């Protein structure tokens, strides 16, 4: 089973395969935005296997992150 993780877009880099720098529970990561060319800085996106799969509303993203953290699937950086 694969778990999608909500992440906030901090920066977008254009190119043949556009990418984004993300904040995932306080950790910075990158992902490919090829499936979501309409994504913008500040959007929350659902990440799976290094790709942004869908744009999420803020409330749903924060609720999902809280639940994921509650079950210790990811931990926030201190």
N, C-alpha and C. Protein backbone atom coordinates (compact mmCIF):
# COMPACT_ATOMS: atom_id res chain seq x y z
N UNK A 1 0.84 -1.18 0.00
CA UNK A 1 0.00 0.00 0.00
C UNK A 1 0.89 1.24 0.00
N UNK A 2 0.44 2.24 -0.70
CA UNK A 2 1.18 3.50 -0.81
C UNK A 2 0.39 4.59 -0.11
N UNK A 3 1.08 5.38 0.69
CA UNK A 3 0.43 6.46 1.42
C UNK A 3 0.80 7.79 0.78
N UNK A 4 -0.22 8.57 0.38
CA UNK A 4 0.02 9.91 -0.13
C UNK A 4 0.17 10.87 1.03
N UNK A 5 1.12 11.79 0.93
CA UNK A 5 1.42 12.74 2.00
C UNK A 5 1.12 14.16 1.51
N UNK A 6 0.34 14.94 2.27
CA UNK A 6 0.12 16.35 1.90
C UNK A 6 1.39 17.17 2.13
N UNK A 7 1.67 18.09 1.23
CA UNK A 7 2.84 18.95 1.34
C UNK A 7 2.51 20.32 0.78
N UNK A 8 3.13 21.36 1.36
CA UNK A 8 2.91 22.73 0.91
C UNK A 8 4.04 23.12 -0.06
N UNK A 9 3.67 23.68 -1.18
CA UNK A 9 4.66 24.12 -2.17
C UNK A 9 5.31 25.42 -1.70
N UNK A 10 6.64 25.40 -1.61
CA UNK A 10 7.42 26.58 -1.22
C UNK A 10 8.00 27.31 -2.42
N UNK A 11 8.35 26.55 -3.45
CA UNK A 11 9.02 27.14 -4.62
C UNK A 11 8.81 26.20 -5.80
N UNK A 12 8.67 26.77 -6.98
CA UNK A 12 8.50 25.98 -8.21
C UNK A 12 9.63 26.30 -9.17
N UNK A 13 10.19 25.26 -9.76
CA UNK A 13 11.22 25.39 -10.78
C UNK A 13 10.65 24.89 -12.10
N UNK A 14 10.59 25.77 -13.11
CA UNK A 14 10.06 25.38 -14.42
C UNK A 14 11.09 24.56 -15.19
N UNK A 15 10.61 23.89 -16.22
CA UNK A 15 11.47 23.10 -17.07
C UNK A 15 10.67 22.01 -17.73
N UNK A 16 11.34 21.14 -18.48
CA UNK A 16 10.63 20.03 -19.14
C UNK A 16 9.86 19.17 -18.13
N UNK A 17 10.45 18.98 -16.96
CA UNK A 17 9.78 18.30 -15.86
C UNK A 17 9.79 19.26 -14.68
N UNK A 18 8.74 20.10 -14.56
CA UNK A 18 8.73 21.09 -13.48
C UNK A 18 8.79 20.41 -12.12
N UNK A 19 9.47 21.06 -11.19
CA UNK A 19 9.59 20.48 -9.86
C UNK A 19 9.23 21.53 -8.81
N UNK A 20 9.02 21.05 -7.59
CA UNK A 20 8.67 21.94 -6.50
C UNK A 20 9.49 21.59 -5.27
N UNK A 21 9.86 22.62 -4.53
CA UNK A 21 10.44 22.44 -3.20
C UNK A 21 9.27 22.50 -2.24
N UNK A 22 9.17 21.51 -1.35
CA UNK A 22 8.00 21.33 -0.50
C UNK A 22 8.34 21.37 0.98
N UNK A 23 7.33 21.69 1.77
CA UNK A 23 7.38 21.54 3.22
C UNK A 23 6.45 20.40 3.56
N UNK A 24 7.03 19.31 4.08
CA UNK A 24 6.25 18.15 4.54
C UNK A 24 6.50 18.01 6.02
N UNK A 25 5.56 18.52 6.83
CA UNK A 25 5.67 18.43 8.29
C UNK A 25 7.01 18.95 8.80
N UNK A 26 7.46 20.08 8.25
CA UNK A 26 8.70 20.69 8.70
C UNK A 26 9.94 20.20 8.00
N UNK A 27 9.82 19.23 7.13
CA UNK A 27 10.96 18.72 6.37
C UNK A 27 10.85 19.22 4.93
N UNK A 28 11.97 19.61 4.35
CA UNK A 28 11.96 20.05 2.96
C UNK A 28 12.30 18.89 2.04
N UNK A 29 11.51 18.76 1.00
CA UNK A 29 11.70 17.72 -0.02
C UNK A 29 11.41 18.34 -1.38
N UNK A 30 11.67 17.59 -2.43
CA UNK A 30 11.30 18.03 -3.78
C UNK A 30 10.40 16.97 -4.40
N UNK A 31 9.61 17.42 -5.38
CA UNK A 31 8.78 16.48 -6.13
C UNK A 31 8.61 17.01 -7.55
N UNK A 32 8.11 16.16 -8.40
CA UNK A 32 7.83 16.50 -9.78
C UNK A 32 6.40 17.02 -9.89
N UNK A 33 6.20 18.11 -10.63
CA UNK A 33 4.88 18.70 -10.83
C UNK A 33 4.32 18.42 -12.23
N UNK A 34 4.86 17.44 -12.93
CA UNK A 34 4.44 17.18 -14.31
C UNK A 34 2.94 16.92 -14.43
N UNK A 35 2.33 16.30 -13.42
CA UNK A 35 0.89 16.00 -13.47
C UNK A 35 0.02 17.18 -13.05
N UNK A 36 0.62 18.21 -12.46
CA UNK A 36 -0.14 19.37 -11.96
C UNK A 36 0.48 20.69 -12.40
N UNK A 37 0.49 20.98 -13.68
CA UNK A 37 1.11 22.23 -14.14
C UNK A 37 0.41 23.48 -13.58
N UNK A 38 -0.83 23.34 -13.10
CA UNK A 38 -1.57 24.48 -12.56
C UNK A 38 -1.23 24.78 -11.10
N UNK A 39 -0.46 23.92 -10.44
CA UNK A 39 -0.10 24.12 -9.03
C UNK A 39 0.71 25.41 -8.87
N UNK A 40 0.50 26.07 -7.72
CA UNK A 40 1.17 27.34 -7.44
C UNK A 40 1.81 27.30 -6.06
N UNK A 41 2.76 28.21 -5.86
CA UNK A 41 3.39 28.36 -4.54
C UNK A 41 2.28 28.64 -3.52
N UNK A 42 2.35 27.93 -2.39
CA UNK A 42 1.35 28.07 -1.34
C UNK A 42 0.28 27.00 -1.37
N UNK A 43 0.12 26.32 -2.51
CA UNK A 43 -0.85 25.22 -2.60
C UNK A 43 -0.37 24.02 -1.79
N UNK A 44 -1.33 23.26 -1.27
CA UNK A 44 -1.03 21.95 -0.70
C UNK A 44 -1.30 20.92 -1.79
N UNK A 45 -0.37 19.99 -1.95
CA UNK A 45 -0.52 18.93 -2.93
C UNK A 45 -0.34 17.58 -2.25
N UNK A 46 -0.96 16.56 -2.82
CA UNK A 46 -0.82 15.20 -2.33
C UNK A 46 0.34 14.55 -3.08
N UNK A 47 1.36 14.09 -2.34
CA UNK A 47 2.57 13.53 -2.94
C UNK A 47 2.55 12.00 -2.85
N UNK A 48 2.86 11.35 -3.95
CA UNK A 48 3.03 9.90 -3.98
C UNK A 48 4.22 9.58 -4.86
N UNK A 49 5.15 8.84 -4.32
CA UNK A 49 6.31 8.38 -5.09
C UNK A 49 7.04 9.51 -5.81
N UNK A 50 7.15 10.67 -5.16
CA UNK A 50 7.90 11.78 -5.73
C UNK A 50 7.15 12.63 -6.73
N UNK A 51 5.85 12.38 -6.91
CA UNK A 51 5.03 13.15 -7.84
C UNK A 51 3.87 13.79 -7.10
N UNK A 52 3.56 15.05 -7.44
CA UNK A 52 2.36 15.69 -6.92
C UNK A 52 1.19 15.15 -7.74
N UNK A 53 0.21 14.55 -7.04
CA UNK A 53 -0.89 13.88 -7.73
C UNK A 53 -2.17 14.70 -7.78
N UNK A 54 -2.41 15.55 -6.77
CA UNK A 54 -3.60 16.39 -6.76
C UNK A 54 -3.39 17.57 -5.82
N UNK A 55 -4.15 18.64 -6.06
CA UNK A 55 -4.12 19.81 -5.19
C UNK A 55 -5.18 19.61 -4.11
N UNK A 56 -4.81 19.92 -2.86
CA UNK A 56 -5.72 19.76 -1.72
C UNK A 56 -6.09 21.13 -1.15
N UNK A 57 -7.27 21.21 -0.53
CA UNK A 57 -7.59 22.43 0.19
C UNK A 57 -6.82 22.40 1.52
N UNK A 58 -6.54 23.57 2.06
CA UNK A 58 -5.70 23.70 3.25
C UNK A 58 -6.25 22.91 4.44
N UNK A 59 -7.55 23.02 4.70
CA UNK A 59 -8.14 22.33 5.85
C UNK A 59 -7.96 20.82 5.75
N UNK A 60 -8.19 20.25 4.59
CA UNK A 60 -8.03 18.80 4.41
C UNK A 60 -6.57 18.39 4.57
N UNK A 61 -5.66 19.19 4.02
CA UNK A 61 -4.24 18.88 4.12
C UNK A 61 -3.78 18.87 5.57
N UNK A 62 -4.17 19.90 6.33
CA UNK A 62 -3.76 19.98 7.73
C UNK A 62 -4.37 18.86 8.57
N UNK A 63 -5.62 18.51 8.29
CA UNK A 63 -6.27 17.41 8.99
C UNK A 63 -5.56 16.08 8.69
N UNK A 64 -5.22 15.87 7.44
CA UNK A 64 -4.50 14.65 7.06
C UNK A 64 -3.13 14.59 7.72
N UNK A 65 -2.40 15.70 7.72
CA UNK A 65 -1.08 15.73 8.35
C UNK A 65 -1.18 15.43 9.85
N UNK A 66 -2.20 15.97 10.51
CA UNK A 66 -2.39 15.71 11.94
C UNK A 66 -2.66 14.23 12.20
N UNK A 67 -3.47 13.61 11.37
CA UNK A 67 -3.78 12.19 11.51
C UNK A 67 -2.55 11.34 11.24
N UNK A 68 -1.81 11.68 10.21
CA UNK A 68 -0.58 10.94 9.88
C UNK A 68 0.41 11.04 11.03
N UNK A 69 0.54 12.24 11.59
CA UNK A 69 1.45 12.44 12.72
C UNK A 69 0.98 11.68 13.96
N UNK A 70 -0.33 11.68 14.19
CA UNK A 70 -0.91 10.98 15.34
C UNK A 70 -0.53 9.49 15.34
N UNK A 71 -0.48 8.90 14.16
CA UNK A 71 -0.13 7.48 14.04
C UNK A 71 1.36 7.26 13.82
N UNK A 72 2.17 8.33 14.04
CA UNK A 72 3.62 8.28 13.94
C UNK A 72 4.13 7.80 12.58
N UNK A 73 3.41 8.14 11.53
CA UNK A 73 3.86 7.78 10.19
C UNK A 73 4.91 8.76 9.68
N UNK A 74 4.83 10.00 10.16
CA UNK A 74 5.88 10.99 9.95
C UNK A 74 5.94 11.81 11.24
N UNK A 75 7.07 12.42 11.49
CA UNK A 75 7.21 13.26 12.67
C UNK A 75 7.70 14.63 12.24
N UNK A 76 7.18 15.64 12.90
CA UNK A 76 7.60 17.01 12.61
C UNK A 76 9.03 17.22 13.14
N UNK A 77 9.81 18.01 12.38
CA UNK A 77 11.14 18.40 12.86
C UNK A 77 10.96 19.37 14.02
N UNK A 78 11.83 19.25 15.00
CA UNK A 78 11.77 20.16 16.15
C UNK A 78 12.78 21.26 16.01
